[in-house]
Amino acid sequence: VGINVGAAVALAKEMGPGHTIVTVLCDSGTRYQSRLFNRQWLEEKGLLPD
């Protein structure tokens, strides 16, 4: 996961529910297809919303 996504996730965990965080992915996302767009991978990493 890119540094900005990792930072957004860390910030979201720190801030808790009820907040919105926005980040910009600076490419087409093809590099992240096996991770960022993979529900199973996101679930394994604890990155899906409850």
PDB file of N, CA and C in Angstrom:
ATOM      1  N   VAL A   1       0.853  -1.173   0.000  1.00  0.00           N
ATOM      2  CA  VAL A   1       0.000   0.000   0.000  1.00  0.00           C
ATOM      3  C   VAL A   1       0.894   1.229   0.000  1.00  0.00           C
ATOM      4  N   GLY A   2       0.500   2.237  -0.730  1.00  0.00           N
ATOM      5  CA  GLY A   2       1.285   3.465  -0.792  1.00  0.00           C
ATOM      6  C   GLY A   2       1.317   4.196   0.540  1.00  0.00           C
ATOM      7  N   ILE A   3       2.283   5.077   0.681  1.00  0.00           N
ATOM      8  CA  ILE A   3       2.473   5.787   1.944  1.00  0.00           C
ATOM      9  C   ILE A   3       1.266   6.642   2.299  1.00  0.00           C
ATOM     10  N   ASN A   4       0.628   7.262   1.314  1.00  0.00           N
ATOM     11  CA  ASN A   4      -0.525   8.100   1.648  1.00  0.00           C
ATOM     12  C   ASN A   4      -1.717   7.264   2.104  1.00  0.00           C
ATOM     13  N   VAL A   5      -1.905   6.091   1.524  1.00  0.00           N
ATOM     14  CA  VAL A   5      -2.991   5.209   1.957  1.00  0.00           C
ATOM     15  C   VAL A   5      -2.689   4.678   3.355  1.00  0.00           C
ATOM     16  N   GLY A   6      -1.453   4.273   3.577  1.00  0.00           N
ATOM     17  CA  GLY A   6      -1.058   3.794   4.898  1.00  0.00           C
ATOM     18  C   GLY A   6      -1.254   4.861   5.963  1.00  0.00           C
ATOM     19  N   ALA A   7      -0.891   6.094   5.638  1.00  0.00           N
ATOM     20  CA  ALA A   7      -1.066   7.199   6.581  1.00  0.00           C
ATOM     21  C   ALA A   7      -2.546   7.481   6.827  1.00  0.00           C
ATOM     22  N   ALA A   8      -3.358   7.404   5.785  1.00  0.00           N
ATOM     23  CA  ALA A   8      -4.797   7.634   5.941  1.00  0.00           C
ATOM     24  C   ALA A   8      -5.419   6.566   6.837  1.00  0.00           C
ATOM     25  N   VAL A   9      -5.005   5.319   6.664  1.00  0.00           N
ATOM     26  CA  VAL A   9      -5.515   4.231   7.508  1.00  0.00           C
ATOM     27  C   VAL A   9      -5.086   4.441   8.959  1.00  0.00           C
ATOM     28  N   ALA A  10      -3.826   4.780   9.165  1.00  0.00           N
ATOM     29  CA  ALA A  10      -3.333   5.014  10.527  1.00  0.00           C
ATOM     30  C   ALA A  10      -4.090   6.171  11.182  1.00  0.00           C
ATOM     31  N   LEU A  11      -4.309   7.235  10.434  1.00  0.00           N
ATOM     32  CA  LEU A  11      -5.036   8.384  10.960  1.00  0.00           C
ATOM     33  C   LEU A  11      -6.483   8.016  11.278  1.00  0.00           C
ATOM     34  N   ALA A  12      -7.108   7.241  10.402  1.00  0.00           N
ATOM     35  CA  ALA A  12      -8.493   6.812  10.632  1.00  0.00           C
ATOM     36  C   ALA A  12      -8.601   5.985  11.907  1.00  0.00           C
ATOM     37  N   LYS A  13      -7.653   5.101  12.129  1.00  0.00           N
ATOM     38  CA  LYS A  13      -7.666   4.294  13.351  1.00  0.00           C
ATOM     39  C   LYS A  13      -7.462   5.171  14.580  1.00  0.00           C
ATOM     40  N   GLU A  14      -6.614   6.172  14.458  1.00  0.00           N
ATOM     41  CA  GLU A  14      -6.352   7.087  15.573  1.00  0.00           C
ATOM     42  C   GLU A  14      -7.566   7.968  15.876  1.00  0.00           C
ATOM     43  N   MET A  15      -8.222   8.462  14.829  1.00  0.00           N
ATOM     44  CA  MET A  15      -9.352   9.373  15.010  1.00  0.00           C
ATOM     45  C   MET A  15     -10.623   8.650  15.431  1.00  0.00           C
ATOM     46  N   GLY A  16     -10.786   7.423  14.987  1.00  0.00           N
ATOM     47  CA  GLY A  16     -11.976   6.655  15.331  1.00  0.00           C
ATOM     48  C   GLY A  16     -13.161   6.976  14.432  1.00  0.00           C
ATOM     49  N   PRO A  17     -14.300   6.358  14.747  1.00  0.00           N
ATOM     50  CA  PRO A  17     -15.507   6.526  13.925  1.00  0.00           C
ATOM     51  C   PRO A  17     -16.016   7.964  13.924  1.00  0.00           C
ATOM     52  N   GLY A  18     -16.771   8.291  12.874  1.00  0.00           N
ATOM     53  CA  GLY A  18     -17.415   9.588  12.796  1.00  0.00           C
ATOM     54  C   GLY A  18     -16.595  10.677  12.144  1.00  0.00           C
ATOM     55  N   HIS A  19     -15.460  10.329  11.556  1.00  0.00           N
ATOM     56  CA  HIS A  19     -14.605  11.305  10.891  1.00  0.00           C
ATOM     57  C   HIS A  19     -14.394  10.888   9.438  1.00  0.00           C
ATOM     58  N   THR A  20     -14.042  11.839   8.615  1.00  0.00           N
ATOM     59  CA  THR A  20     -13.769  11.578   7.204  1.00  0.00           C
ATOM     60  C   THR A  20     -12.334  11.964   6.897  1.00  0.00           C
ATOM     61  N   ILE A  21     -11.646  11.083   6.179  1.00  0.00           N
ATOM     62  CA  ILE A  21     -10.272  11.345   5.759  1.00  0.00           C
ATOM     63  C   ILE A  21     -10.219  11.180   4.247  1.00  0.00           C
ATOM     64  N   VAL A  22      -9.564  12.108   3.582  1.00  0.00           N
ATOM     65  CA  VAL A  22      -9.438  12.067   2.129  1.00  0.00           C
ATOM     66  C   VAL A  22      -7.962  12.030   1.774  1.00  0.00           C
ATOM     67  N   THR A  23      -7.616  11.186   0.807  1.00  0.00           N
ATOM     68  CA  THR A  23      -6.258  11.159   0.283  1.00  0.00           C
ATOM     69  C   THR A  23      -6.338  11.027  -1.229  1.00  0.00           C
ATOM     70  N   VAL A  24      -5.264  11.317  -1.908  1.00  0.00           N
ATOM     71  CA  VAL A  24      -5.232  11.269  -3.370  1.00  0.00           C
ATOM     72  C   VAL A  24      -4.266  10.180  -3.811  1.00  0.00           C
ATOM     73  N   LEU A  25      -4.750   9.285  -4.675  1.00  0.00           N
ATOM     74  CA  LEU A  25      -3.881   8.283  -5.287  1.00  0.00           C
ATOM     75  C   LEU A  25      -3.368   8.883  -6.586  1.00  0.00           C
ATOM     76  N   CYS A  26      -2.071   8.983  -6.702  1.00  0.00           N
ATOM     77  CA  CYS A  26      -1.461   9.730  -7.805  1.00  0.00           C
ATOM     78  C   CYS A  26      -1.178   8.894  -9.042  1.00  0.00           C
ATOM     79  N   ASP A  27      -1.839   7.760  -9.163  1.00  0.00           N
ATOM     80  CA  ASP A  27      -1.684   6.957 -10.374  1.00  0.00           C
ATOM     81  C   ASP A  27      -3.009   6.278 -10.688  1.00  0.00           C
ATOM     82  N   SER A  28      -3.019   5.407 -11.664  1.00  0.00           N
ATOM     83  CA  SER A  28      -4.272   4.799 -12.110  1.00  0.00           C
ATOM     84  C   SER A  28      -4.781   3.710 -11.183  1.00  0.00           C
ATOM     85  N   GLY A  29      -3.993   3.251 -10.257  1.00  0.00           N
ATOM     86  CA  GLY A  29      -4.411   2.200  -9.346  1.00  0.00           C
ATOM     87  C   GLY A  29      -4.077   0.800  -9.813  1.00  0.00           C
ATOM     88  N   THR A  30      -3.523   0.663 -11.009  1.00  0.00           N
ATOM     89  CA  THR A  30      -3.215  -0.678 -11.512  1.00  0.00           C
ATOM     90  C   THR A  30      -2.177  -1.385 -10.650  1.00  0.00           C
ATOM     91  N   ARG A  31      -1.311  -0.632 -10.000  1.00  0.00           N
ATOM     92  CA  ARG A  31      -0.301  -1.241  -9.124  1.00  0.00           C
ATOM     93  C   ARG A  31      -0.923  -1.842  -7.873  1.00  0.00           C
ATOM     94  N   TYR A  32      -2.150  -1.452  -7.560  1.00  0.00           N
ATOM     95  CA  TYR A  32      -2.789  -1.865  -6.313  1.00  0.00           C
ATOM     96  C   TYR A  32      -3.902  -2.891  -6.506  1.00  0.00           C
ATOM     97  N   GLN A  33      -4.086  -3.388  -7.723  1.00  0.00           N
ATOM     98  CA  GLN A  33      -5.207  -4.274  -7.994  1.00  0.00           C
ATOM     99  C   GLN A  33      -5.220  -5.512  -7.106  1.00  0.00           C
ATOM    100  N   SER A  34      -4.062  -6.052  -6.786  1.00  0.00           N
ATOM    101  CA  SER A  34      -4.030  -7.268  -5.969  1.00  0.00           C
ATOM    102  C   SER A  34      -4.181  -6.961  -4.486  1.00  0.00           C
ATOM    103  N   ARG A  35      -4.155  -5.690  -4.121  1.00  0.00           N
ATOM    104  CA  ARG A  35      -4.240  -5.314  -2.709  1.00  0.00           C
ATOM    105  C   ARG A  35      -5.407  -4.366  -2.463  1.00  0.00           C
ATOM    106  N   LEU A  36      -5.279  -3.136  -2.867  1.00  0.00           N
ATOM    107  CA  LEU A  36      -6.249  -2.101  -2.527  1.00  0.00           C
ATOM    108  C   LEU A  36      -7.656  -2.426  -3.030  1.00  0.00           C
ATOM    109  N   PHE A  37      -7.766  -3.090  -4.174  1.00  0.00           N
ATOM    110  CA  PHE A  37      -9.072  -3.419  -4.735  1.00  0.00           C
ATOM    111  C   PHE A  37      -9.436  -4.879  -4.481  1.00  0.00           C
ATOM    112  N   ASN A  38      -8.749  -5.525  -3.564  1.00  0.00           N
ATOM    113  CA  ASN A  38      -8.975  -6.932  -3.250  1.00  0.00           C
ATOM    114  C   ASN A  38      -9.603  -7.021  -1.860  1.00  0.00           C
ATOM    115  N   ARG A  39     -10.897  -7.315  -1.824  1.00  0.00           N
ATOM    116  CA  ARG A  39     -11.642  -7.333  -0.558  1.00  0.00           C
ATOM    117  C   ARG A  39     -11.038  -8.312   0.449  1.00  0.00           C
ATOM    118  N   GLN A  40     -10.617  -9.487  -0.011  1.00  0.00           N
ATOM    119  CA  GLN A  40     -10.036 -10.480   0.899  1.00  0.00           C
ATOM    120  C   GLN A  40      -8.750  -9.936   1.530  1.00  0.00           C
ATOM    121  N   TRP A  41      -7.875  -9.325   0.730  1.00  0.00           N
ATOM    122  CA  TRP A  41      -6.624  -8.767   1.245  1.00  0.00           C
ATOM    123  C   TRP A  41      -6.915  -7.663   2.258  1.00  0.00           C
ATOM    124  N   LEU A  42      -7.869  -6.781   1.920  1.00  0.00           N
ATOM    125  CA  LEU A  42      -8.233  -5.697   2.827  1.00  0.00           C
ATOM    126  C   LEU A  42      -8.761  -6.246   4.151  1.00  0.00           C
ATOM    127  N   GLU A  43      -9.589  -7.293   4.068  1.00  0.00           N
ATOM    128  CA  GLU A  43     -10.137  -7.908   5.282  1.00  0.00           C
ATOM    129  C   GLU A  43      -9.027  -8.520   6.135  1.00  0.00           C
ATOM    130  N   GLU A  44      -8.087  -9.223   5.494  1.00  0.00           N
ATOM    131  CA  GLU A  44      -6.974  -9.842   6.216  1.00  0.00           C
ATOM    132  C   GLU A  44      -6.125  -8.799   6.941  1.00  0.00           C
ATOM    133  N   LYS A  45      -6.026  -7.603   6.380  1.00  0.00           N
ATOM    134  CA  LYS A  45      -5.219  -6.533   6.970  1.00  0.00           C
ATOM    135  C   LYS A  45      -6.015  -5.659   7.931  1.00  0.00           C
ATOM    136  N   GLY A  46      -7.304  -5.954   8.089  1.00  0.00           N
ATOM    137  CA  GLY A  46      -8.141  -5.159   8.986  1.00  0.00           C
ATOM    138  C   GLY A  46      -8.446  -3.777   8.453  1.00  0.00           C
ATOM    139  N   LEU A  47      -8.512  -3.640   7.127  1.00  0.00           N
ATOM    140  CA  LEU A  47      -8.700  -2.326   6.514  1.00  0.00           C
ATOM    141  C   LEU A  47     -10.121  -2.068   6.023  1.00  0.00           C
ATOM    142  N   LEU A  48     -11.024  -3.028   6.215  1.00  0.00           N
ATOM    143  CA  LEU A  48     -12.407  -2.810   5.807  1.00  0.00           C
ATOM    144  C   LEU A  48     -13.167  -2.130   6.940  1.00  0.00           C
ATOM    145  N   PRO A  49     -14.103  -1.248   6.590  1.00  0.00           N
ATOM    146  CA  PRO A  49     -14.904  -0.626   7.654  1.00  0.00           C
ATOM    147  C   PRO A  49     -15.766  -1.676   8.345  1.00  0.00           C
ATOM    148  N   ASP A  50     -16.067  -1.441   9.590  1.00  0.00           N
ATOM    149  CA  ASP A  50     -16.910  -2.379  10.353  1.00  0.00           C
ATOM    150  C   ASP A  50     -18.333  -2.377   9.869  1.00  0.00           C
TER     151      ASP A  50
END
